[in-house]
Amino acid sequence: MKVFQNKLNTRQSRIGIRIGRRITVVQRVIADKLNRETQHWNGASKWLMLAMICLLFGGGSLWLLIRAWY
């Protein structure tokens, strides 16, 4: 006797596969665009951009945490 049956029907499975493929396509398009735009950057420029992005999102996350407490 199976107590927990968590089977998706075929329609739900097909929808999930389509959503997963679409997410993969969008990720690939964004990655290709970023690679084209930064292909001529030197290593220092890439590190600087990475640091700026980390500071931006890290600062935003910290701001949200502080705001949640007060």
N, C-alpha and C. Protein backbone atom coordinates (compact mmCIF):
# COMPACT_ATOMS: atom_id res chain seq x y z
N MET A 1 0.84 -1.17 0.00
CA MET A 1 0.00 0.00 0.00
C MET A 1 0.89 1.24 0.00
N LYS A 2 0.64 2.12 -0.93
CA LYS A 2 1.41 3.35 -1.00
C LYS A 2 0.67 4.44 -0.25
N VAL A 3 1.30 4.94 0.78
CA VAL A 3 0.66 5.96 1.60
C VAL A 3 0.74 7.32 0.91
N PHE A 4 1.91 7.66 0.39
CA PHE A 4 2.09 8.96 -0.23
C PHE A 4 2.31 8.77 -1.73
N GLN A 5 1.33 9.12 -2.49
CA GLN A 5 1.48 9.09 -3.93
C GLN A 5 1.52 10.53 -4.43
N ASN A 6 2.64 10.92 -4.97
CA ASN A 6 2.81 12.28 -5.45
C ASN A 6 3.17 12.22 -6.93
N LYS A 7 2.27 11.69 -7.72
CA LYS A 7 2.52 11.59 -9.15
C LYS A 7 1.81 12.73 -9.86
N LEU A 8 2.53 13.35 -10.75
CA LEU A 8 1.92 14.39 -11.56
C LEU A 8 1.28 13.74 -12.77
N ASN A 9 0.16 14.29 -13.18
CA ASN A 9 -0.41 13.75 -14.41
C ASN A 9 0.42 14.25 -15.59
N THR A 10 0.16 13.72 -16.75
CA THR A 10 1.00 14.02 -17.90
C THR A 10 0.91 15.49 -18.32
N ARG A 11 -0.23 16.10 -18.13
CA ARG A 11 -0.38 17.52 -18.50
C ARG A 11 0.49 18.40 -17.61
N GLN A 12 0.46 18.15 -16.31
CA GLN A 12 1.28 18.93 -15.39
C GLN A 12 2.77 18.70 -15.68
N SER A 13 3.12 17.48 -16.00
CA SER A 13 4.50 17.16 -16.30
C SER A 13 4.97 17.90 -17.56
N ARG A 14 4.14 17.92 -18.59
CA ARG A 14 4.49 18.64 -19.82
C ARG A 14 4.63 20.13 -19.58
N ILE A 15 3.75 20.69 -18.77
CA ILE A 15 3.83 22.12 -18.46
C ILE A 15 5.12 22.42 -17.70
N GLY A 16 5.46 21.58 -16.75
CA GLY A 16 6.70 21.76 -16.00
C GLY A 16 7.94 21.68 -16.88
N ILE A 17 7.94 20.75 -17.81
CA ILE A 17 9.06 20.62 -18.74
C ILE A 17 9.16 21.86 -19.62
N ARG A 18 8.03 22.37 -20.10
CA ARG A 18 8.04 23.57 -20.94
C ARG A 18 8.55 24.79 -20.17
N ILE A 19 8.13 24.93 -18.93
CA ILE A 19 8.59 26.06 -18.10
C ILE A 19 10.09 25.94 -17.87
N GLY A 20 10.58 24.76 -17.57
CA GLY A 20 12.01 24.56 -17.36
C GLY A 20 12.82 24.87 -18.60
N ARG A 21 12.34 24.47 -19.75
CA ARG A 21 13.04 24.77 -21.01
C ARG A 21 13.06 26.26 -21.28
N ARG A 22 11.96 26.93 -21.01
CA ARG A 22 11.89 28.37 -21.25
C ARG A 22 12.85 29.12 -20.33
N ILE A 23 12.93 28.71 -19.08
CA ILE A 23 13.87 29.33 -18.14
C ILE A 23 15.30 29.14 -18.64
N THR A 24 15.63 27.96 -19.12
CA THR A 24 16.96 27.68 -19.64
C THR A 24 17.27 28.55 -20.85
N VAL A 25 16.30 28.72 -21.74
CA VAL A 25 16.52 29.56 -22.92
C VAL A 25 16.76 31.00 -22.52
N VAL A 26 15.98 31.52 -21.59
CA VAL A 26 16.15 32.91 -21.15
C VAL A 26 17.51 33.09 -20.48
N GLN A 27 17.93 32.14 -19.65
CA GLN A 27 19.24 32.22 -19.01
C GLN A 27 20.35 32.23 -20.05
N ARG A 28 20.22 31.41 -21.07
CA ARG A 28 21.25 31.35 -22.11
C ARG A 28 21.32 32.64 -22.91
N VAL A 29 20.16 33.23 -23.21
CA VAL A 29 20.14 34.49 -23.95
C VAL A 29 20.81 35.59 -23.14
N ILE A 30 20.48 35.68 -21.86
CA ILE A 30 21.09 36.70 -21.00
C ILE A 30 22.59 36.48 -20.88
N ALA A 31 23.01 35.23 -20.69
CA ALA A 31 24.44 34.94 -20.57
C ALA A 31 25.19 35.27 -21.85
N ASP A 32 24.62 34.94 -23.01
CA ASP A 32 25.26 35.27 -24.28
C ASP A 32 25.39 36.77 -24.47
N LYS A 33 24.35 37.52 -24.11
CA LYS A 33 24.38 38.98 -24.23
C LYS A 33 25.46 39.57 -23.33
N LEU A 34 25.53 39.11 -22.08
CA LEU A 34 26.55 39.61 -21.16
C LEU A 34 27.96 39.25 -21.64
N ASN A 35 28.12 38.05 -22.19
CA ASN A 35 29.43 37.66 -22.70
C ASN A 35 29.85 38.53 -23.88
N ARG A 36 28.92 38.85 -24.77
CA ARG A 36 29.24 39.73 -25.89
C ARG A 36 29.63 41.12 -25.41
N GLU A 37 28.92 41.64 -24.42
CA GLU A 37 29.18 42.99 -23.95
C GLU A 37 30.48 43.11 -23.16
N THR A 38 30.92 42.04 -22.53
CA THR A 38 32.11 42.11 -21.68
C THR A 38 33.30 41.36 -22.26
N GLN A 39 33.26 40.97 -23.51
CA GLN A 39 34.35 40.16 -24.06
C GLN A 39 35.66 40.93 -24.19
N HIS A 40 35.61 42.24 -24.27
CA HIS A 40 36.82 43.03 -24.42
C HIS A 40 37.28 43.66 -23.10
N TRP A 41 36.62 43.34 -22.01
CA TRP A 41 37.03 43.87 -20.71
C TRP A 41 38.25 43.10 -20.23
N ASN A 42 39.14 43.80 -19.52
CA ASN A 42 40.28 43.09 -18.92
C ASN A 42 39.85 42.52 -17.56
N GLY A 43 40.74 41.79 -16.94
CA GLY A 43 40.41 41.13 -15.68
C GLY A 43 40.05 42.09 -14.57
N ALA A 44 40.75 43.21 -14.50
CA ALA A 44 40.48 44.19 -13.44
C ALA A 44 39.09 44.78 -13.59
N SER A 45 38.67 45.05 -14.82
CA SER A 45 37.34 45.61 -15.04
C SER A 45 36.25 44.62 -14.63
N LYS A 46 36.48 43.36 -14.93
CA LYS A 46 35.51 42.33 -14.55
C LYS A 46 35.42 42.20 -13.03
N TRP A 47 36.57 42.24 -12.35
CA TRP A 47 36.56 42.16 -10.89
C TRP A 47 35.88 43.37 -10.27
N LEU A 48 36.12 44.54 -10.85
CA LEU A 48 35.49 45.75 -10.35
C LEU A 48 33.97 45.68 -10.51
N MET A 49 33.50 45.21 -11.66
CA MET A 49 32.06 45.08 -11.88
C MET A 49 31.46 44.06 -10.91
N LEU A 50 32.16 42.96 -10.69
CA LEU A 50 31.69 41.95 -9.73
C LEU A 50 31.58 42.54 -8.33
N ALA A 51 32.58 43.31 -7.93
CA ALA A 51 32.56 43.93 -6.61
C ALA A 51 31.41 44.92 -6.49
N MET A 52 31.17 45.70 -7.54
CA MET A 52 30.06 46.66 -7.52
C MET A 52 28.71 45.96 -7.41
N ILE A 53 28.54 44.88 -8.14
CA ILE A 53 27.28 44.13 -8.09
C ILE A 53 27.08 43.52 -6.70
N CYS A 54 28.16 42.96 -6.13
CA CYS A 54 28.07 42.38 -4.79
C CYS A 54 27.72 43.44 -3.75
N LEU A 55 28.36 44.61 -3.86
CA LEU A 55 28.05 45.69 -2.92
C LEU A 55 26.61 46.17 -3.08
N LEU A 56 26.15 46.26 -4.30
CA LEU A 56 24.78 46.70 -4.56
C LEU A 56 23.76 45.74 -3.95
N PHE A 57 23.87 44.47 -4.28
CA PHE A 57 22.89 43.51 -3.78
C PHE A 57 23.09 43.20 -2.30
N GLY A 58 24.34 43.18 -1.84
CA GLY A 58 24.59 42.98 -0.42
C GLY A 58 24.07 44.15 0.40
N GLY A 59 24.28 45.37 -0.09
CA GLY A 59 23.75 46.55 0.60
C GLY A 59 22.24 46.57 0.62
N GLY A 60 21.63 46.17 -0.49
CA GLY A 60 20.17 46.09 -0.53
C GLY A 60 19.62 45.06 0.44
N SER A 61 20.28 43.93 0.52
CA SER A 61 19.85 42.89 1.45
C SER A 61 20.01 43.35 2.90
N LEU A 62 21.12 44.00 3.18
CA LEU A 62 21.35 44.52 4.53
C LEU A 62 20.31 45.57 4.89
N TRP A 63 19.99 46.43 3.95
CA TRP A 63 18.98 47.47 4.17
C TRP A 63 17.63 46.83 4.49
N LEU A 64 17.26 45.78 3.74
CA LEU A 64 15.99 45.10 4.00
C LEU A 64 15.98 44.44 5.38
N LEU A 65 17.09 43.84 5.78
CA LEU A 65 17.17 43.22 7.10
C LEU A 65 17.02 44.27 8.21
N ILE A 66 17.75 45.37 8.08
CA ILE A 66 17.66 46.43 9.08
C ILE A 66 16.26 47.01 9.13
N ARG A 67 15.68 47.22 7.98
CA ARG A 67 14.33 47.79 7.93
C ARG A 67 13.29 46.84 8.54
N ALA A 68 13.51 45.53 8.42
CA ALA A 68 12.58 44.56 8.99
C ALA A 68 12.62 44.59 10.51
N TRP A 69 13.77 44.91 11.09
CA TRP A 69 13.90 44.94 12.54
C TRP A 69 13.37 46.21 13.15
N TYR A 70 13.41 47.31 12.41
CA TYR A 70 13.01 48.60 12.98
C TYR A 70 11.78 49.14 12.31
